[in-house]
Amino acid sequence: MAEGEFALVREHLEAALNKPSQGWAPVGDHELYSLLADAAVQQRDEAALRQYAAPAEETARRYDHRLYQAIAHRACRVLLERRRVDAVHQRPVL
C-alpha cells in the first residue's frame, strides 16, 4: 500500500473509531484497533504502533477474540523489536 493510501485508510479507521455508536454497530473498537495496529506493522510506522498496539491488545482481550489478540501481539512484538534494534544502534562503541 502506498504511503498516501495508508494515510487515507488510517484517516477513515480513526474517524470510525471516534464516531459514537448508534445502537448496533457492524464493527467494534477491537476490530478498528486491530486494523490500525496491523496497518502500522505493514507500514513500519512506529508512531502508529505506539498509539494502537496497546489498545488493540486490551480490547482484543476484553472481547476474548483470539485472532485480534494475535494481531495485537504481533504489533507489540514488532514495536519491541524496533526499540531493541534502535537501542543497539545507539550504543556507544568502546
C-alpha atoms as a PDB file:
ATOM      1  CA  MET A   1       0.000   0.000   0.000  1.00  0.00           C
ATOM      2  CA  ALA A   2       1.391   3.371  -0.944  1.00  0.00           C
ATOM      3  CA  GLU A   3       2.030   5.969   1.750  1.00  0.00           C
ATOM      4  CA  GLY A   4      -0.919   8.112   0.632  1.00  0.00           C
ATOM      5  CA  GLU A   5      -3.260   5.136   0.630  1.00  0.00           C
ATOM      6  CA  PHE A   6      -2.215   4.211   4.172  1.00  0.00           C
ATOM      7  CA  ALA A   7      -2.897   7.746   5.347  1.00  0.00           C
ATOM      8  CA  LEU A   8      -6.364   7.616   3.805  1.00  0.00           C
ATOM      9  CA  VAL A   9      -7.147   4.210   5.333  1.00  0.00           C
ATOM     10  CA  ARG A  10      -5.888   5.385   8.718  1.00  0.00           C
ATOM     11  CA  GLU A  11      -7.993   8.541   8.455  1.00  0.00           C
ATOM     12  CA  HIS A  12     -11.159   6.533   7.759  1.00  0.00           C
ATOM     13  CA  LEU A  13     -10.466   3.998  10.525  1.00  0.00           C
ATOM     14  CA  GLU A  14      -9.756   6.743  13.053  1.00  0.00           C
ATOM     15  CA  ALA A  15     -12.957   8.528  12.053  1.00  0.00           C
ATOM     16  CA  ALA A  16     -14.910   5.300  12.577  1.00  0.00           C
ATOM     17  CA  LEU A  17     -13.225   4.820  15.952  1.00  0.00           C
ATOM     18  CA  ASN A  18     -14.276   8.290  17.107  1.00  0.00           C
ATOM     19  CA  LYS A  19     -17.825   8.055  15.774  1.00  0.00           C
ATOM     20  CA  PRO A  20     -20.343   7.331  18.531  1.00  0.00           C
ATOM     21  CA  SER A  21     -22.285   4.112  18.161  1.00  0.00           C
ATOM     22  CA  GLN A  22     -25.945   4.482  17.280  1.00  0.00           C
ATOM     23  CA  GLY A  23     -27.203   1.168  18.583  1.00  0.00           C
ATOM     24  CA  TRP A  24     -25.991  -1.820  16.603  1.00  0.00           C
ATOM     25  CA  ALA A  25     -22.531  -1.366  15.119  1.00  0.00           C
ATOM     26  CA  PRO A  26     -21.164  -3.779  12.497  1.00  0.00           C
ATOM     27  CA  VAL A  27     -17.572  -3.059  13.603  1.00  0.00           C
ATOM     28  CA  GLY A  28     -16.318  -2.968  17.182  1.00  0.00           C
ATOM     29  CA  ASP A  29     -13.474  -0.969  18.642  1.00  0.00           C
ATOM     30  CA  HIS A  30     -11.382  -4.141  18.927  1.00  0.00           C
ATOM     31  CA  GLU A  31     -11.625  -4.601  15.165  1.00  0.00           C
ATOM     32  CA  LEU A  32     -10.690  -0.999  14.408  1.00  0.00           C
ATOM     33  CA  TYR A  33      -7.714  -1.017  16.787  1.00  0.00           C
ATOM     34  CA  SER A  34      -6.516  -4.317  15.322  1.00  0.00           C
ATOM     35  CA  LEU A  35      -6.777  -2.980  11.776  1.00  0.00           C
ATOM     36  CA  LEU A  36      -4.894   0.179  12.733  1.00  0.00           C
ATOM     37  CA  ALA A  37      -2.175  -1.814  14.526  1.00  0.00           C
ATOM     38  CA  ASP A  38      -1.833  -4.233  11.612  1.00  0.00           C
ATOM     39  CA  ALA A  39      -1.601  -1.399   9.093  1.00  0.00           C
ATOM     40  CA  ALA A  40       1.079   0.225  11.262  1.00  0.00           C
ATOM     41  CA  VAL A  41       3.087  -3.015  11.232  1.00  0.00           C
ATOM     42  CA  GLN A  42       2.826  -3.265   7.461  1.00  0.00           C
ATOM     43  CA  GLN A  43       3.925   0.345   7.041  1.00  0.00           C
ATOM     44  CA  ARG A  44       6.593   0.106   9.751  1.00  0.00           C
ATOM     45  CA  ASP A  45       5.058   3.204  11.335  1.00  0.00           C
ATOM     46  CA  GLU A  46       6.496   3.351  14.849  1.00  0.00           C
ATOM     47  CA  ALA A  47       4.306   6.264  15.967  1.00  0.00           C
ATOM     48  CA  ALA A  48       1.136   4.434  14.936  1.00  0.00           C
ATOM     49  CA  LEU A  49       2.415   1.236  16.582  1.00  0.00           C
ATOM     50  CA  ARG A  50       2.916   3.128  19.837  1.00  0.00           C
ATOM     51  CA  GLN A  51      -0.560   4.584  19.503  1.00  0.00           C
ATOM     52  CA  TYR A  52      -2.529   1.460  18.559  1.00  0.00           C
ATOM     53  CA  ALA A  53      -0.706  -1.713  19.701  1.00  0.00           C
ATOM     54  CA  ALA A  54      -1.693  -1.442  23.375  1.00  0.00           C
ATOM     55  CA  PRO A  55      -5.374  -0.532  22.758  1.00  0.00           C
ATOM     56  CA  ALA A  56      -5.594  -3.333  20.180  1.00  0.00           C
ATOM     57  CA  GLU A  57      -4.296  -5.816  22.734  1.00  0.00           C
ATOM     58  CA  GLU A  58      -6.518  -4.542  25.549  1.00  0.00           C
ATOM     59  CA  THR A  59      -9.741  -4.575  23.524  1.00  0.00           C
ATOM     60  CA  ALA A  60      -8.990  -7.959  21.923  1.00  0.00           C
ATOM     61  CA  ARG A  61      -8.503  -9.442  25.391  1.00  0.00           C
ATOM     62  CA  ARG A  62     -11.665  -7.764  26.658  1.00  0.00           C
ATOM     63  CA  TYR A  63     -13.667  -9.477  23.894  1.00  0.00           C
ATOM     64  CA  ASP A  64     -11.563 -12.671  24.141  1.00  0.00           C
ATOM     65  CA  HIS A  65     -11.008 -12.521  20.382  1.00  0.00           C
ATOM     66  CA  ARG A  66      -8.029 -14.741  19.614  1.00  0.00           C
ATOM     67  CA  LEU A  67      -7.386 -13.562  16.062  1.00  0.00           C
ATOM     68  CA  TYR A  68      -7.257  -9.923  17.112  1.00  0.00           C
ATOM     69  CA  GLN A  69      -5.163 -10.870  20.150  1.00  0.00           C
ATOM     70  CA  ALA A  70      -2.643 -12.417  17.745  1.00  0.00           C
ATOM     71  CA  ILE A  71      -2.633  -9.304  15.544  1.00  0.00           C
ATOM     72  CA  ALA A  72      -2.112  -7.093  18.606  1.00  0.00           C
ATOM     73  CA  HIS A  73       0.609  -9.382  19.942  1.00  0.00           C
ATOM     74  CA  ARG A  74       2.424  -9.188  16.594  1.00  0.00           C
ATOM     75  CA  ALA A  75       2.223  -5.386  16.658  1.00  0.00           C
ATOM     76  CA  CYS A  76       3.623  -5.284  20.203  1.00  0.00           C
ATOM     77  CA  ARG A  77       6.472  -7.628  19.240  1.00  0.00           C
ATOM     78  CA  VAL A  78       7.333  -5.531  16.184  1.00  0.00           C
ATOM     79  CA  LEU A  79       7.412  -2.407  18.344  1.00  0.00           C
ATOM     80  CA  LEU A  80       9.619  -4.085  20.970  1.00  0.00           C
ATOM     81  CA  GLU A  81      11.970  -5.406  18.293  1.00  0.00           C
ATOM     82  CA  ARG A  82      12.201  -1.977  16.702  1.00  0.00           C
ATOM     83  CA  ARG A  83      13.088  -0.429  20.062  1.00  0.00           C
ATOM     84  CA  ARG A  84      15.696  -3.149  20.660  1.00  0.00           C
ATOM     85  CA  VAL A  85      17.323  -2.541  17.291  1.00  0.00           C
ATOM     86  CA  ASP A  86      17.315   1.223  17.860  1.00  0.00           C
ATOM     87  CA  ALA A  87      18.952   0.733  21.264  1.00  0.00           C
ATOM     88  CA  VAL A  88      21.665  -1.472  19.754  1.00  0.00           C
ATOM     89  CA  HIS A  89      22.452   1.106  17.093  1.00  0.00           C
ATOM     90  CA  GLN A  90      22.665   3.911  19.633  1.00  0.00           C
ATOM     91  CA  ARG A  91      25.102   2.044  21.893  1.00  0.00           C
ATOM     92  CA  PRO A  92      28.462   3.843  22.081  1.00  0.00           C
ATOM     93  CA  VAL A  93      31.397   1.978  20.609  1.00  0.00           C
ATOM     94  CA  LEU A  94      34.193   1.355  23.130  1.00  0.00           C
END
